[in-house]
Structure formats: C-alpha cells, structure tokens
C-alpha atoms as a PDB file:
ATOM      1  CA  MET A   1     -98.815 103.016 -65.753  1.00  0.00           C
ATOM      2  CA  SER A   2    -101.600 105.026 -64.374  1.00  0.00           C
ATOM      3  CA  THR A   3    -100.111 108.132 -62.872  1.00  0.00           C
ATOM      4  CA  ASN A   4    -103.159 110.482 -63.564  1.00  0.00           C
ATOM      5  CA  ALA A   5    -104.003 111.164 -59.720  1.00  0.00           C
ATOM      6  CA  LYS A   6    -100.712 111.880 -57.736  1.00  0.00           C
ATOM      7  CA  PRO A   7    -101.110 110.271 -54.365  1.00  0.00           C
ATOM      8  CA  GLN A   8    -100.483 112.552 -51.533  1.00  0.00           C
ATOM      9  CA  ARG A   9     -97.911 111.656 -49.029  1.00  0.00           C
ATOM     10  CA  ALA A  10     -99.200 110.673 -45.563  1.00  0.00           C
ATOM     11  CA  ALA A  11     -98.137 113.196 -42.863  1.00  0.00           C
ATOM     12  CA  ALA A  12     -95.860 111.725 -40.335  1.00  0.00           C
ATOM     13  CA  THR A  13     -96.671 110.962 -36.671  1.00  0.00           C
ATOM     14  CA  GLU A  14     -94.667 110.566 -33.619  1.00  0.00           C
ATOM     15  CA  ASP A  15     -93.390 107.009 -32.781  1.00  0.00           C
ATOM     16  CA  VAL A  16     -95.999 105.232 -30.777  1.00  0.00           C
ATOM     17  CA  ALA A  17     -96.026 101.662 -28.747  1.00  0.00           C
ATOM     18  CA  ALA A  18     -97.551  98.660 -30.592  1.00  0.00           C
ATOM     19  CA  PRO A  19     -99.843  96.475 -28.753  1.00  0.00           C
ATOM     20  CA  THR A  20     -97.126  93.838 -28.943  1.00  0.00           C
ATOM     21  CA  LEU A  21     -93.550  93.437 -29.940  1.00  0.00           C
ATOM     22  CA  THR A  22     -93.137  97.273 -29.201  1.00  0.00           C
ATOM     23  CA  LEU A  23     -90.215  98.783 -30.696  1.00  0.00           C
ATOM     24  CA  THR A  24     -90.803 102.472 -30.159  1.00  0.00           C
ATOM     25  CA  ALA A  25     -91.285 104.874 -27.582  1.00  0.00           C
ATOM     26  CA  SER A  26     -95.191 105.940 -26.629  1.00  0.00           C
ATOM     27  CA  ALA A  27     -96.778 109.161 -27.879  1.00  0.00           C
ATOM     28  CA  ALA A  28     -99.714 111.018 -27.608  1.00  0.00           C
ATOM     29  CA  THR A  29    -101.384 109.855 -31.120  1.00  0.00           C
ATOM     30  CA  ALA A  30    -102.602 106.068 -31.581  1.00  0.00           C
ATOM     31  CA  PRO A  31    -101.140 104.140 -34.484  1.00  0.00           C
ATOM     32  CA  ALA A  32    -103.217 104.326 -37.763  1.00  0.00           C
ATOM     33  CA  TYR A  33    -103.613 100.396 -37.769  1.00  0.00           C
ATOM     34  CA  LEU A  34    -105.511 100.330 -34.548  1.00  0.00           C
ATOM     35  CA  THR A  35    -109.307 100.039 -34.649  1.00  0.00           C
ATOM     36  CA  GLU A  36    -112.247  99.685 -32.179  1.00  0.00           C
ATOM     37  CA  LYS A  37    -113.599  96.581 -31.541  1.00  0.00           C
ATOM     38  CA  LEU A  38    -116.376  95.497 -29.219  1.00  0.00           C
ATOM     39  CA  ASP A  39    -115.290  93.021 -26.135  1.00  0.00           C
ATOM     40  CA  GLU A  40    -118.264  90.642 -25.910  1.00  0.00           C
ATOM     41  CA  ALA A  41    -117.004  89.537 -22.221  1.00  0.00           C
ATOM     42  CA  THR A  42    -117.079  93.044 -21.084  1.00  0.00           C
ATOM     43  CA  GLY A  43    -118.913  94.945 -23.460  1.00  0.00           C
ATOM     44  CA  GLU A  44    -116.313  97.679 -23.917  1.00  0.00           C
ATOM     45  CA  LEU A  45    -114.750  99.031 -26.875  1.00  0.00           C
ATOM     46  CA  VAL A  46    -111.131  97.918 -26.934  1.00  0.00           C
ATOM     47  CA  GLN A  47    -108.393  98.803 -29.800  1.00  0.00           C
ATOM     48  CA  VAL A  48    -107.003  95.944 -31.804  1.00  0.00           C
ATOM     49  CA  ALA A  49    -104.476  95.747 -34.952  1.00  0.00           C
ATOM     50  CA  ARG A  50    -106.175  95.558 -38.288  1.00  0.00           C
ATOM     51  CA  PHE A  51    -103.226  93.557 -39.607  1.00  0.00           C
ATOM     52  CA  ARG A  52    -102.414  89.854 -38.491  1.00  0.00           C
ATOM     53  CA  TYR A  53     -98.868  88.796 -38.548  1.00  0.00           C
ATOM     54  CA  LEU A  54     -96.616  86.407 -37.040  1.00  0.00           C
ATOM     55  CA  PRO A  55     -93.060  88.238 -36.996  1.00  0.00           C
ATOM     56  CA  GLY A  56     -90.767  86.628 -39.379  1.00  0.00           C
ATOM     57  CA  HIS A  57     -93.391  84.262 -41.038  1.00  0.00           C
ATOM     58  CA  PRO A  58     -95.745  86.428 -43.388  1.00  0.00           C
ATOM     59  CA  ARG A  59     -97.997  84.505 -45.501  1.00  0.00           C
ATOM     60  CA  GLN A  60     -96.206  83.360 -48.686  1.00  0.00           C
ATOM     61  CA  VAL A  61     -97.509  84.444 -52.041  1.00  0.00           C
ATOM     62  CA  ARG A  62     -95.869  83.017 -55.112  1.00  0.00           C
ATOM     63  CA  PHE A  63     -95.199  84.180 -58.557  1.00  0.00           C
ATOM     64  CA  ASP A  64     -95.094  81.132 -60.867  1.00  0.00           C
ATOM     65  CA  ALA A  65     -93.200  82.289 -63.710  1.00  0.00           C
ATOM     66  CA  LYS A  66     -93.730  79.556 -65.641  1.00  0.00           C
ATOM     67  CA  ALA A  67     -97.504  79.497 -65.691  1.00  0.00           C
ATOM     68  CA  GLY A  68     -98.066  83.366 -65.082  1.00  0.00           C
ATOM     69  CA  GLN A  69    -100.048  82.807 -62.227  1.00  0.00           C
ATOM     70  CA  PHE A  70     -99.777  84.034 -58.435  1.00  0.00           C
ATOM     71  CA  ASN A  71    -100.670  81.718 -55.607  1.00  0.00           C
ATOM     72  CA  ILE A  72    -100.633  81.330 -51.864  1.00  0.00           C
ATOM     73  CA  GLY A  73     -98.258  78.809 -50.500  1.00  0.00           C
ATOM     74  CA  GLY A  74     -98.059  77.039 -53.930  1.00  0.00           C
ATOM     75  CA  MET A  75    -101.630  75.899 -53.112  1.00  0.00           C
ATOM     76  CA  MET A  76    -104.368  78.628 -53.763  1.00  0.00           C
ATOM     77  CA  PRO A  77    -104.576  80.358 -56.709  1.00  0.00           C
ATOM     78  CA  LEU A  78    -104.844  84.092 -57.009  1.00  0.00           C
ATOM     79  CA  GLY A  79    -104.842  84.456 -60.875  1.00  0.00           C
ATOM     80  CA  ASN A  80    -102.397  86.521 -63.285  1.00  0.00           C
ATOM     81  CA  THR A  81    -102.562  89.879 -61.398  1.00  0.00           C
ATOM     82  CA  LEU A  82    -101.943  91.068 -57.907  1.00  0.00           C
ATOM     83  CA  SER A  83    -102.688  94.571 -56.428  1.00  0.00           C
ATOM     84  CA  PHE A  84    -101.528  95.690 -52.978  1.00  0.00           C
ATOM     85  CA  MET A  85    -100.313  98.555 -51.159  1.00  0.00           C
ATOM     86  CA  PRO A  86     -96.797  97.723 -50.021  1.00  0.00           C
ATOM     87  CA  LEU A  87     -95.551  98.346 -46.326  1.00  0.00           C
ATOM     88  CA  ALA A  88     -91.990  97.167 -46.694  1.00  0.00           C
ATOM     89  CA  TRP A  89     -89.559  95.818 -49.391  1.00  0.00           C
ATOM     90  CA  ARG A  90     -86.059  95.361 -50.257  1.00  0.00           C
ATOM     91  CA  VAL A  91     -84.127  94.604 -53.374  1.00  0.00           C
ATOM     92  CA  PHE A  92     -80.994  92.422 -52.548  1.00  0.00           C
ATOM     93  CA  GLN A  93     -78.630  89.838 -53.883  1.00  0.00           C
ATOM     94  CA  ASP A  94     -78.403  86.658 -52.028  1.00  0.00           C
ATOM     95  CA  ASN A  95     -78.202  82.724 -52.062  1.00  0.00           C
ATOM     96  CA  ILE A  96     -81.503  81.865 -50.959  1.00  0.00           C
ATOM     97  CA  LEU A  97     -84.028  78.929 -51.350  1.00  0.00           C
ATOM     98  CA  ASN A  98     -81.335  77.017 -52.911  1.00  0.00           C
ATOM     99  CA  MET A  99     -81.441  78.881 -56.100  1.00  0.00           C
ATOM    100  CA  GLY A 100     -77.885  80.416 -56.117  1.00  0.00           C
ATOM    101  CA  ARG A 101     -76.941  83.967 -55.857  1.00  0.00           C
ATOM    102  CA  LYS A 102     -79.697  86.250 -57.686  1.00  0.00           C
ATOM    103  CA  LEU A 103     -81.011  89.608 -57.674  1.00  0.00           C
ATOM    104  CA  TRP A 104     -84.210  89.476 -55.862  1.00  0.00           C
ATOM    105  CA  ALA A 105     -86.965  91.893 -55.093  1.00  0.00           C
ATOM    106  CA  GLU A 106     -88.949  91.081 -51.739  1.00  0.00           C
ATOM    107  CA  LEU A 107     -92.278  92.967 -50.908  1.00  0.00           C
ATOM    108  CA  PHE A 108     -94.493  92.987 -48.061  1.00  0.00           C
ATOM    109  CA  PHE A 109     -98.104  94.048 -47.788  1.00  0.00           C
ATOM    110  CA  ALA A 110    -101.507  93.357 -46.106  1.00  0.00           C
ATOM    111  CA  ASP A 111    -104.169  91.291 -48.010  1.00  0.00           C
ATOM    112  CA  ASP A 112    -107.877  91.803 -48.533  1.00  0.00           C
ATOM    113  CA  LYS A 113    -108.176  89.930 -44.984  1.00  0.00           C
ATOM    114  CA  GLY A 114    -105.527  91.865 -43.183  1.00  0.00           C
ATOM    115  CA  ALA A 115    -102.731  89.160 -43.285  1.00  0.00           C
ATOM    116  CA  ILE A 116     -99.234  90.453 -43.840  1.00  0.00           C
ATOM    117  CA  CYS A 117     -97.817  88.572 -46.632  1.00  0.00           C
ATOM    118  CA  ALA A 118     -94.583  88.429 -48.831  1.00  0.00           C
ATOM    119  CA  VAL A 119     -93.878  87.807 -52.343  1.00  0.00           C
ATOM    120  CA  LEU A 120     -90.564  87.483 -54.240  1.00  0.00           C
ATOM    121  CA  PHE A 121     -89.404  88.198 -57.584  1.00  0.00           C
ATOM    122  CA  HIS A 122     -85.902  87.693 -59.499  1.00  0.00           C
ATOM    123  CA  GLY A 123     -84.436  88.239 -62.948  1.00  0.00           C
ATOM    124  CA  TYR A 124     -86.259  90.718 -65.387  1.00  0.00           C
ATOM    125  CA  SER A 125     -88.926  91.349 -63.010  1.00  0.00           C
ATOM    126  CA  VAL A 126     -86.719  92.996 -60.621  1.00  0.00           C
ATOM    127  CA  GLU A 127     -85.698  95.266 -63.552  1.00  0.00           C
ATOM    128  CA  ASN A 128     -89.266  95.924 -64.266  1.00  0.00           C
ATOM    129  CA  LEU A 129     -89.790  96.965 -60.571  1.00  0.00           C
ATOM    130  CA  TYR A 130     -86.819  99.373 -61.076  1.00  0.00           C
ATOM    131  CA  ARG A 131     -88.612 100.921 -63.719  1.00  0.00           C
ATOM    132  CA  LEU A 132     -91.475 101.611 -61.626  1.00  0.00           C
ATOM    133  CA  ILE A 133     -89.458 103.014 -58.419  1.00  0.00           C
ATOM    134  CA  GLU A 134     -87.756 105.610 -60.719  1.00  0.00           C
ATOM    135  CA  PRO A 135     -90.841 107.703 -61.671  1.00  0.00           C
ATOM    136  CA  LEU A 136     -92.009 107.530 -58.231  1.00  0.00           C
ATOM    137  CA  PHE A 137     -88.802 108.788 -56.946  1.00  0.00           C
ATOM    138  CA  TYR A 138     -89.051 111.821 -59.056  1.00  0.00           C
ATOM    139  CA  ASP A 139     -92.543 112.545 -58.059  1.00  0.00           C
ATOM    140  CA  ASP A 140     -91.397 112.459 -54.420  1.00  0.00           C
ATOM    141  CA  LEU A 141     -93.170 109.131 -53.750  1.00  0.00           C
ATOM    142  CA  THR A 142     -92.311 105.495 -53.042  1.00  0.00           C
ATOM    143  CA  LEU A 143     -93.966 102.301 -53.030  1.00  0.00           C
ATOM    144  CA  ALA A 144     -95.438 102.699 -49.931  1.00  0.00           C
ATOM    145  CA  ASP A 145     -97.439 105.691 -51.162  1.00  0.00           C
ATOM    146  CA  VAL A 146     -99.190 104.106 -53.895  1.00  0.00           C
ATOM    147  CA  THR A 147    -101.180 101.009 -54.905  1.00  0.00           C
ATOM    148  CA  VAL A 148     -99.068  98.549 -56.954  1.00  0.00           C
ATOM    149  CA  LYS A 149    -100.544  96.224 -59.670  1.00  0.00           C
ATOM    150  CA  ILE A 150     -98.379  93.412 -60.868  1.00  0.00           C
ATOM    151  CA  THR A 151     -99.607  91.616 -64.200  1.00  0.00           C
ATOM    152  CA  ALA A 152     -97.966  88.376 -65.483  1.00  0.00           C
ATOM    153  CA  GLU A 153     -96.770  89.099 -69.058  1.00  0.00           C
ATOM    154  CA  LYS A 154     -95.854  86.342 -71.568  1.00  0.00           C
ATOM    155  CA  LYS A 155     -92.646  86.102 -73.164  1.00  0.00           C
ATOM    156  CA  GLN A 156     -91.224  83.260 -75.311  1.00  0.00           C
ATOM    157  CA  THR A 157     -87.529  82.426 -76.491  1.00  0.00           C
ATOM    158  CA  THR A 158     -86.386  80.103 -78.913  1.00  0.00           C
ATOM    159  CA  LYS A 159     -83.207  77.835 -78.387  1.00  0.00           C
ATOM    160  CA  ASP A 160     -82.026  75.097 -80.801  1.00  0.00           C
ATOM    161  CA  GLY A 161     -85.330  75.330 -82.726  1.00  0.00           C
ATOM    162  CA  LYS A 162     -87.487  74.906 -79.871  1.00  0.00           C
ATOM    163  CA  THR A 163     -89.841  77.585 -78.380  1.00  0.00           C
ATOM    164  CA  ALA A 164     -90.134  78.196 -74.614  1.00  0.00           C
ATOM    165  CA  THR A 165     -92.819  80.336 -72.832  1.00  0.00           C
ATOM    166  CA  TYR A 166     -92.409  81.998 -69.484  1.00  0.00           C
ATOM    167  CA  TYR A 167     -93.616  84.967 -67.819  1.00  0.00           C
ATOM    168  CA  ILE A 168     -92.258  88.271 -66.295  1.00  0.00           C
ATOM    169  CA  ALA A 169     -93.903  90.585 -63.857  1.00  0.00           C
ATOM    170  CA  GLN A 170     -94.897  94.204 -65.018  1.00  0.00           C
ATOM    171  CA  PHE A 171     -95.645  96.821 -62.689  1.00  0.00           C
ATOM    172  CA  SER A 172     -97.901  99.923 -62.625  1.00  0.00           C
ATOM    173  CA  TYR A 173     -99.254 101.952 -60.051  1.00  0.00           C
ATOM    174  CA  GLU A 174    -102.115 104.311 -58.997  1.00  0.00           C
ATOM    175  CA  ALA A 175    -102.954 106.616 -56.311  1.00  0.00           C
ATOM    176  CA  ALA A 176    -103.825 105.213 -52.509  1.00  0.00           C
ATOM    177  CA  ASP A 177    -105.838 106.319 -50.018  1.00  0.00           C
ATOM    178  CA  ALA A 178    -103.804 108.361 -47.490  1.00  0.00           C
ATOM    179  CA  ALA A 179    -105.637 106.855 -44.504  1.00  0.00           C
ATOM    180  CA  GLU A 180    -104.466 103.274 -45.449  1.00  0.00           C
ATOM    181  CA  VAL A 181    -100.938 104.307 -46.504  1.00  0.00           C
ATOM    182  CA  ALA A 182    -100.748 105.509 -42.940  1.00  0.00           C
ATOM    183  CA  ALA A 183    -101.890 102.615 -41.275  1.00  0.00           C
ATOM    184  CA  ARG A 184     -99.237 100.447 -43.075  1.00  0.00           C
ATOM    185  CA  ARG A 185     -96.604 103.142 -42.596  1.00  0.00           C
ATOM    186  CA  ASP A 186     -97.145 102.901 -38.783  1.00  0.00           C
ATOM    187  CA  PHE A 187     -97.296  99.033 -38.638  1.00  0.00           C
ATOM    188  CA  ALA A 188     -94.039  98.665 -40.587  1.00  0.00           C
ATOM    189  CA  ARG A 189     -92.575 101.105 -38.003  1.00  0.00           C
ATOM    190  CA  ASP A 190     -93.911  99.315 -34.941  1.00  0.00           C
ATOM    191  CA  PHE A 191     -93.125  95.395 -36.105  1.00  0.00           C
ATOM    192  CA  PRO A 192     -90.175  93.790 -37.620  1.00  0.00           C
ATOM    193  CA  ILE A 193     -91.053  93.203 -41.003  1.00  0.00           C
ATOM    194  CA  TRP A 194     -89.069  90.277 -42.559  1.00  0.00           C
ATOM    195  CA  ARG A 195     -89.323  86.685 -43.558  1.00  0.00           C
ATOM    196  CA  ALA A 196     -87.122  84.208 -41.835  1.00  0.00           C
ATOM    197  CA  GLU A 197     -86.966  81.671 -44.771  1.00  0.00           C
ATOM    198  CA  THR A 198     -85.280  84.486 -47.078  1.00  0.00           C
ATOM    199  CA  TYR A 199     -82.838  86.138 -44.471  1.00  0.00           C
ATOM    200  CA  THR A 200     -79.229  85.381 -44.412  1.00  0.00           C
ATOM    201  CA  SER A 201     -76.453  87.460 -43.171  1.00  0.00           C
ATOM    202  CA  ALA A 202     -74.685  87.347 -46.695  1.00  0.00           C
ATOM    203  CA  ALA A 203     -77.233  89.668 -48.683  1.00  0.00           C
ATOM    204  CA  ASP A 204     -76.049  92.558 -50.573  1.00  0.00           C
ATOM    205  CA  MET A 205     -78.653  95.086 -49.852  1.00  0.00           C
ATOM    206  CA  ARG A 206     -79.578  97.461 -52.679  1.00  0.00           C
ATOM    207  CA  ILE A 207     -82.696  99.104 -51.748  1.00  0.00           C
ATOM    208  CA  GLN A 208     -84.867  98.840 -48.534  1.00  0.00           C
ATOM    209  CA  TYR A 209     -87.812 100.286 -46.914  1.00  0.00           C
ATOM    210  CA  GLY A 210     -89.382  99.134 -43.585  1.00  0.00           C
ATOM    211  CA  TYR A 211     -87.735  95.727 -43.637  1.00  0.00           C
ATOM    212  CA  THR A 212     -86.461  95.043 -40.149  1.00  0.00           C
ATOM    213  CA  VAL A 213     -84.616  92.171 -38.855  1.00  0.00           C
ATOM    214  CA  PRO A 214     -84.724  91.929 -35.000  1.00  0.00           C
ATOM    215  CA  VAL A 215     -81.407  92.151 -33.328  1.00  0.00           C
ATOM    216  CA  GLU A 216     -81.457  88.752 -31.850  1.00  0.00           C
ATOM    217  CA  ASP A 217     -82.051  87.242 -35.521  1.00  0.00           C
ATOM    218  CA  ASP A 218     -79.517  89.505 -37.143  1.00  0.00           C
ATOM    219  CA  PRO A 219     -75.898  88.416 -36.192  1.00  0.00           C
ATOM    220  CA  GLN A 220     -74.547  91.338 -38.062  1.00  0.00           C
ATOM    221  CA  ARG A 221     -76.433  94.017 -36.190  1.00  0.00           C
ATOM    222  CA  PRO A 222     -74.528  94.986 -33.038  1.00  0.00           C
ATOM    223  CA  ALA A 223     -76.864  94.666 -29.769  1.00  0.00           C
ATOM    224  CA  PRO A 224     -77.570  98.185 -27.963  1.00  0.00           C
ATOM    225  CA  ALA A 225     -74.966  99.246 -25.636  1.00  0.00           C
ATOM    226  CA  ALA A 226     -75.460  98.766 -22.095  1.00  0.00           C
ATOM    227  CA  ALA A 227     -76.847 101.493 -19.899  1.00  0.00           C
ATOM    228  CA  GLU A 228     -74.707 103.032 -17.665  1.00  0.00           C
ATOM    229  CA  PRO A 229     -75.519 102.196 -13.794  1.00  0.00           C
ATOM    230  CA  ALA A 230     -77.223 104.973 -12.197  1.00  0.00           C
ATOM    231  CA  ALA A 231     -75.131 106.802  -9.404  1.00  0.00           C
ATOM    232  CA  LEU A 232     -75.836 105.922  -5.778  1.00  0.00           C
ATOM    233  CA  SER A 233     -77.005 108.558  -3.856  1.00  0.00           C
ATOM    234  CA  GLN A 234     -75.080 108.975  -0.489  1.00  0.00           C
ATOM    235  CA  ALA A 235     -76.822 109.267   2.866  1.00  0.00           C
ATOM    236  CA  ALA A 236     -76.403 112.296   4.597  1.00  0.00           C
END
C-alpha cells in the first residue's frame, strides 16, 4: 500500500445546480466538474460537464475472478489492474444478478474518457476493500480522497486432489489531485449515482458514500412532503 504522500481533502463548497437533473440549490460557485468549451455554432464559450453519465446506467466494468482480468461489459479487456478515483460506493448484502444473497462492494468512478463506470466485487475481495478503508478512516480520509489501484492476485485451492485457480482483488491507494477530487465530489452531489441492474429494495446497507437512488425509483424512501398552500391575501 502506498501511503507516502497524504492527500489533502478538498475544501467543501456550497451546493449548486447541475446542468441537468438538478438535485441541489443554486449557489455562486460553479461545480468543479464543469469545463469551458467553444460552441462552434455561436462562437461563444459555454460550460459543459466533464463526465458522461446516463443516470442509473453507468458503464459496466467487470472483474473476472476466474481469469484475473477486468473488462468492459464482458467484451473489451482492460488487463489485470485497474486504477481510478472513486466518486461513490456502497458495501451491501443482497441477492442480485441471480447469484444469491452475498456481501458486495460496488464502486463508481470516471474512466479516462470521462464515462461514469461501476464495478462490483464480492467474497474475499470485499474483505480486502475493508482493509483499505480502515487506514484511510484513521487518516481522516475516504476512498473519494485518493486514487485506488486494484490488482488481481492469483490464489489456488485444492479439493479432492484437484487444484483450482482463482483470483481476488487486492487494493492499494496513493495521493490524488485535489482538483480532481473536488470535480468528482461535486458530480456525485449533483447527480443520482446508482446502477439500476444491481438495485433492489431489500439490500442490507453496510457502508455508502455518494450513492443516491432517485425517489421515484426507491419505494423505501418517502417522497418529500407537499408544501403548505400559501395564504391568500384579502382585498382591502
């Protein structure tokens, strides 16, 4: 685990309105995930989001525990290591993907092209993630403050004289750029970060950060109370 340089937690800013799917009140400071881009039609500089995300449907990055490889959607190989700055995550127990009730860790991040992605782990890999979260906690940090590196580690087991090979995820971290931390923090604040395929209302949540299911998709969360009708002023 690389812990030589302790990352600095980005200073908090006031809630602001996102360009779309606005979830927070407006403020004077623009979100850190906005960047300026030239509008070729008008010749004006406009602010656009650095990240691409279809709410509830992040790009699926998979960890193949049999081959020890990461891939996108089961098709595009990414190798046996993966590095990213988490912007949201949860550790939970649930029966998802027709795999029975297990303990899962789901992490969300932006890839090199700015696409919001999600990756799942279960079993011993979740235990290894806890081993990373603990020292971060005592350093007054979270996964959102660092760059996480995940490496597939080969394991072997023998049963009935036969040897089987599998892989588990090992986690380490290093310092992350404060501006990049702020951009991801603001994005997770302004947009509902979740994955529809892995969400059920029966999850036993252990840890969560930046994970938000919209009210209309979460039957367990009560809808906001209706506002009291304003009093009518009487004519003199």
